[in-house]
N, C-alpha and C. Protein backbone atom coordinates (compact mmCIF):
# COMPACT_ATOMS: atom_id res chain seq x y z
N UNK A 1 -116.67 -58.88 -132.29
CA UNK A 1 -117.86 -58.09 -132.54
C UNK A 1 -118.94 -58.97 -133.17
N UNK A 2 -120.16 -58.77 -132.73
CA UNK A 2 -121.30 -59.55 -133.23
C UNK A 2 -122.24 -58.61 -133.97
N UNK A 3 -122.65 -59.04 -135.16
CA UNK A 3 -123.66 -58.31 -135.92
C UNK A 3 -124.95 -59.12 -135.88
N UNK A 4 -126.08 -58.42 -135.82
CA UNK A 4 -127.37 -59.10 -135.80
C UNK A 4 -128.12 -58.75 -137.08
N UNK A 5 -128.72 -59.78 -137.67
CA UNK A 5 -129.50 -59.62 -138.90
C UNK A 5 -130.90 -60.17 -138.65
N UNK A 6 -131.92 -59.38 -138.95
CA UNK A 6 -133.30 -59.84 -138.83
C UNK A 6 -133.69 -60.51 -140.13
N UNK A 7 -134.03 -61.78 -140.06
CA UNK A 7 -134.41 -62.54 -141.24
C UNK A 7 -135.89 -62.41 -141.56
N UNK A 8 -136.69 -62.36 -140.50
CA UNK A 8 -138.14 -62.20 -140.66
C UNK A 8 -138.71 -61.69 -139.35
N UNK A 9 -139.71 -60.82 -139.44
CA UNK A 9 -140.34 -60.29 -138.22
C UNK A 9 -141.82 -60.05 -138.46
N UNK A 10 -142.61 -60.36 -137.45
CA UNK A 10 -144.05 -60.10 -137.46
C UNK A 10 -144.39 -59.34 -136.19
N UNK A 11 -145.31 -58.39 -136.32
CA UNK A 11 -145.64 -57.53 -135.19
C UNK A 11 -147.15 -57.43 -135.04
N UNK A 12 -147.62 -57.35 -133.79
CA UNK A 12 -149.03 -57.10 -133.51
C UNK A 12 -149.12 -55.97 -132.50
N UNK A 13 -149.99 -55.03 -132.77
CA UNK A 13 -150.20 -53.90 -131.87
C UNK A 13 -151.24 -54.25 -130.82
N UNK A 14 -151.11 -53.66 -129.64
CA UNK A 14 -152.11 -53.82 -128.59
C UNK A 14 -152.08 -52.58 -127.69
N UNK A 15 -153.18 -52.36 -127.00
CA UNK A 15 -153.26 -51.20 -126.12
C UNK A 15 -153.20 -49.90 -126.92
N UNK A 16 -152.78 -48.85 -126.25
CA UNK A 16 -152.76 -47.53 -126.90
C UNK A 16 -151.59 -47.36 -127.86
N UNK A 17 -150.40 -47.78 -127.47
CA UNK A 17 -149.25 -47.60 -128.37
C UNK A 17 -148.19 -48.68 -128.14
N UNK A 18 -148.63 -49.89 -127.84
CA UNK A 18 -147.72 -51.00 -127.57
C UNK A 18 -147.73 -52.01 -128.71
N UNK A 19 -146.68 -52.82 -128.77
CA UNK A 19 -146.63 -53.90 -129.75
C UNK A 19 -145.80 -55.05 -129.22
N UNK A 20 -146.02 -56.22 -129.80
CA UNK A 20 -145.19 -57.40 -129.58
C UNK A 20 -144.66 -57.81 -130.94
N UNK A 21 -143.36 -58.06 -131.00
CA UNK A 21 -142.71 -58.49 -132.24
C UNK A 21 -142.08 -59.85 -132.01
N UNK A 22 -142.32 -60.77 -132.94
CA UNK A 22 -141.66 -62.06 -132.93
C UNK A 22 -140.81 -62.11 -134.19
N UNK A 23 -139.52 -62.39 -134.02
CA UNK A 23 -138.60 -62.32 -135.15
C UNK A 23 -137.63 -63.49 -135.15
N UNK A 24 -137.23 -63.88 -136.33
CA UNK A 24 -136.13 -64.83 -136.51
C UNK A 24 -134.90 -63.97 -136.82
N UNK A 25 -133.86 -64.15 -136.04
CA UNK A 25 -132.66 -63.33 -136.20
C UNK A 25 -131.44 -64.22 -136.30
N UNK A 26 -130.37 -63.63 -136.82
CA UNK A 26 -129.11 -64.33 -136.95
C UNK A 26 -128.02 -63.48 -136.31
N UNK A 27 -127.23 -64.11 -135.45
CA UNK A 27 -126.06 -63.47 -134.87
C UNK A 27 -124.86 -63.92 -135.68
N UNK A 28 -124.09 -62.95 -136.19
CA UNK A 28 -122.95 -63.25 -137.03
C UNK A 28 -121.69 -62.76 -136.31
N UNK A 29 -120.79 -63.70 -136.02
CA UNK A 29 -119.54 -63.37 -135.33
C UNK A 29 -118.37 -63.97 -136.11
N UNK A 30 -117.19 -63.63 -135.70
CA UNK A 30 -115.99 -64.16 -136.36
C UNK A 30 -115.92 -65.68 -136.29
N UNK A 31 -116.46 -66.26 -135.22
CA UNK A 31 -116.36 -67.71 -135.04
C UNK A 31 -117.59 -68.46 -135.54
N UNK A 32 -118.52 -67.82 -136.24
CA UNK A 32 -119.68 -68.50 -136.81
C UNK A 32 -120.97 -67.72 -136.67
N UNK A 33 -122.07 -68.39 -137.02
CA UNK A 33 -123.39 -67.76 -136.94
C UNK A 33 -124.31 -68.61 -136.08
N UNK A 34 -125.36 -67.97 -135.59
CA UNK A 34 -126.35 -68.65 -134.77
C UNK A 34 -127.71 -68.01 -135.03
N UNK A 35 -128.71 -68.83 -135.38
CA UNK A 35 -130.07 -68.32 -135.56
C UNK A 35 -130.86 -68.55 -134.27
N UNK A 36 -131.75 -67.60 -133.97
CA UNK A 36 -132.57 -67.69 -132.78
C UNK A 36 -133.87 -66.97 -133.00
N UNK A 37 -134.82 -67.17 -132.09
CA UNK A 37 -136.12 -66.52 -132.13
C UNK A 37 -136.12 -65.45 -131.05
N UNK A 38 -136.60 -64.26 -131.40
CA UNK A 38 -136.66 -63.15 -130.45
C UNK A 38 -138.12 -62.74 -130.28
N UNK A 39 -138.55 -62.63 -129.02
CA UNK A 39 -139.89 -62.14 -128.70
C UNK A 39 -139.69 -60.85 -127.93
N UNK A 40 -140.16 -59.74 -128.49
CA UNK A 40 -139.89 -58.43 -127.90
C UNK A 40 -141.18 -57.65 -127.69
N UNK A 41 -141.20 -56.89 -126.61
CA UNK A 41 -142.31 -55.98 -126.34
C UNK A 41 -141.78 -54.56 -126.47
N UNK A 42 -142.58 -53.72 -127.11
CA UNK A 42 -142.14 -52.35 -127.29
C UNK A 42 -143.30 -51.38 -127.32
N UNK A 43 -142.96 -50.13 -127.60
CA UNK A 43 -143.97 -49.09 -127.67
C UNK A 43 -143.56 -48.06 -128.71
N UNK A 44 -144.52 -47.25 -129.12
CA UNK A 44 -144.28 -46.21 -130.11
C UNK A 44 -144.11 -44.87 -129.40
N UNK A 45 -143.14 -44.11 -129.84
CA UNK A 45 -142.93 -42.75 -129.35
C UNK A 45 -143.89 -41.81 -130.07
N UNK A 46 -144.06 -40.57 -129.60
CA UNK A 46 -144.97 -39.63 -130.27
C UNK A 46 -144.63 -39.41 -131.76
N UNK A 47 -143.36 -39.54 -132.14
CA UNK A 47 -142.99 -39.38 -133.55
C UNK A 47 -143.16 -40.67 -134.35
N UNK A 48 -143.80 -41.69 -133.72
CA UNK A 48 -144.12 -42.99 -134.31
C UNK A 48 -142.92 -43.91 -134.49
N UNK A 49 -141.76 -43.54 -133.95
CA UNK A 49 -140.63 -44.46 -133.96
C UNK A 49 -140.85 -45.50 -132.87
N UNK A 50 -140.15 -46.62 -132.98
CA UNK A 50 -140.33 -47.74 -132.06
C UNK A 50 -139.24 -47.76 -131.00
N UNK A 51 -139.62 -48.16 -129.80
CA UNK A 51 -138.68 -48.41 -128.72
C UNK A 51 -139.00 -49.78 -128.14
N UNK A 52 -137.97 -50.56 -127.90
CA UNK A 52 -138.16 -51.88 -127.33
C UNK A 52 -137.92 -51.82 -125.84
N UNK A 53 -138.81 -52.46 -125.07
CA UNK A 53 -138.74 -52.47 -123.61
C UNK A 53 -138.07 -53.74 -123.10
N UNK A 54 -138.60 -54.87 -123.51
CA UNK A 54 -138.14 -56.16 -123.01
C UNK A 54 -138.01 -57.13 -124.17
N UNK A 55 -137.10 -58.08 -124.01
CA UNK A 55 -136.90 -59.07 -125.05
C UNK A 55 -136.53 -60.41 -124.44
N UNK A 56 -136.96 -61.46 -125.10
CA UNK A 56 -136.64 -62.82 -124.71
C UNK A 56 -136.16 -63.53 -125.96
N UNK A 57 -135.05 -64.25 -125.86
CA UNK A 57 -134.59 -65.03 -127.01
C UNK A 57 -134.66 -66.50 -126.65
N UNK A 58 -135.01 -67.30 -127.64
CA UNK A 58 -135.06 -68.74 -127.44
C UNK A 58 -134.28 -69.40 -128.57
N UNK A 59 -133.69 -70.55 -128.30
CA UNK A 59 -132.96 -71.26 -129.36
C UNK A 59 -133.91 -71.68 -130.47
N UNK A 60 -133.40 -71.78 -131.66
CA UNK A 60 -134.19 -72.21 -132.80
C UNK A 60 -134.21 -73.74 -132.84
N UNK A 61 -134.82 -74.33 -131.80
CA UNK A 61 -134.93 -75.78 -131.69
C UNK A 61 -136.40 -76.15 -131.63
N UNK A 62 -136.78 -77.10 -132.46
CA UNK A 62 -138.19 -77.47 -132.62
C UNK A 62 -138.84 -77.84 -131.29
N UNK A 63 -138.17 -78.62 -130.46
CA UNK A 63 -138.74 -79.07 -129.19
C UNK A 63 -139.05 -77.88 -128.27
N UNK A 64 -138.16 -76.91 -128.22
CA UNK A 64 -138.36 -75.74 -127.36
C UNK A 64 -139.49 -74.86 -127.90
N UNK A 65 -139.52 -74.65 -129.22
CA UNK A 65 -140.58 -73.84 -129.82
C UNK A 65 -141.95 -74.47 -129.58
N UNK A 66 -142.06 -75.79 -129.74
CA UNK A 66 -143.33 -76.49 -129.50
C UNK A 66 -143.74 -76.39 -128.04
N UNK A 67 -142.78 -76.55 -127.13
CA UNK A 67 -143.07 -76.46 -125.70
C UNK A 67 -143.64 -75.10 -125.35
N UNK A 68 -143.01 -74.04 -125.81
CA UNK A 68 -143.48 -72.68 -125.50
C UNK A 68 -144.85 -72.43 -126.11
N UNK A 69 -145.04 -72.80 -127.37
CA UNK A 69 -146.34 -72.60 -128.02
C UNK A 69 -147.44 -73.36 -127.30
N UNK A 70 -147.20 -74.61 -126.93
CA UNK A 70 -148.20 -75.41 -126.23
C UNK A 70 -148.51 -74.85 -124.85
N UNK A 71 -147.50 -74.40 -124.14
CA UNK A 71 -147.73 -73.85 -122.81
C UNK A 71 -148.56 -72.55 -122.88
N UNK A 72 -148.31 -71.73 -123.88
CA UNK A 72 -149.08 -70.49 -124.03
C UNK A 72 -150.55 -70.83 -124.35
N UNK A 73 -150.77 -71.78 -125.22
CA UNK A 73 -152.14 -72.16 -125.59
C UNK A 73 -152.87 -72.77 -124.40
N UNK A 74 -152.18 -73.59 -123.60
CA UNK A 74 -152.81 -74.30 -122.49
C UNK A 74 -153.04 -73.43 -121.26
N UNK A 75 -152.39 -72.27 -121.17
CA UNK A 75 -152.54 -71.46 -119.96
C UNK A 75 -153.86 -70.75 -119.94
């Protein structure tokens, strides 16, 4: 069994009721832990609760984070 812990999360709203969340998370399993970055898109329900639609996880490696950030800026 794997448990997930959110270490830090930042969110920005866009459109009528959408948001993007970028979070640092930790997966905790019997055989060890692993930290990763999660980029998720979601929306708010009428009762203001959150629902996540899509998510992308990337390894917490400096080279990969820099590559993604640079590619987004350059596009």
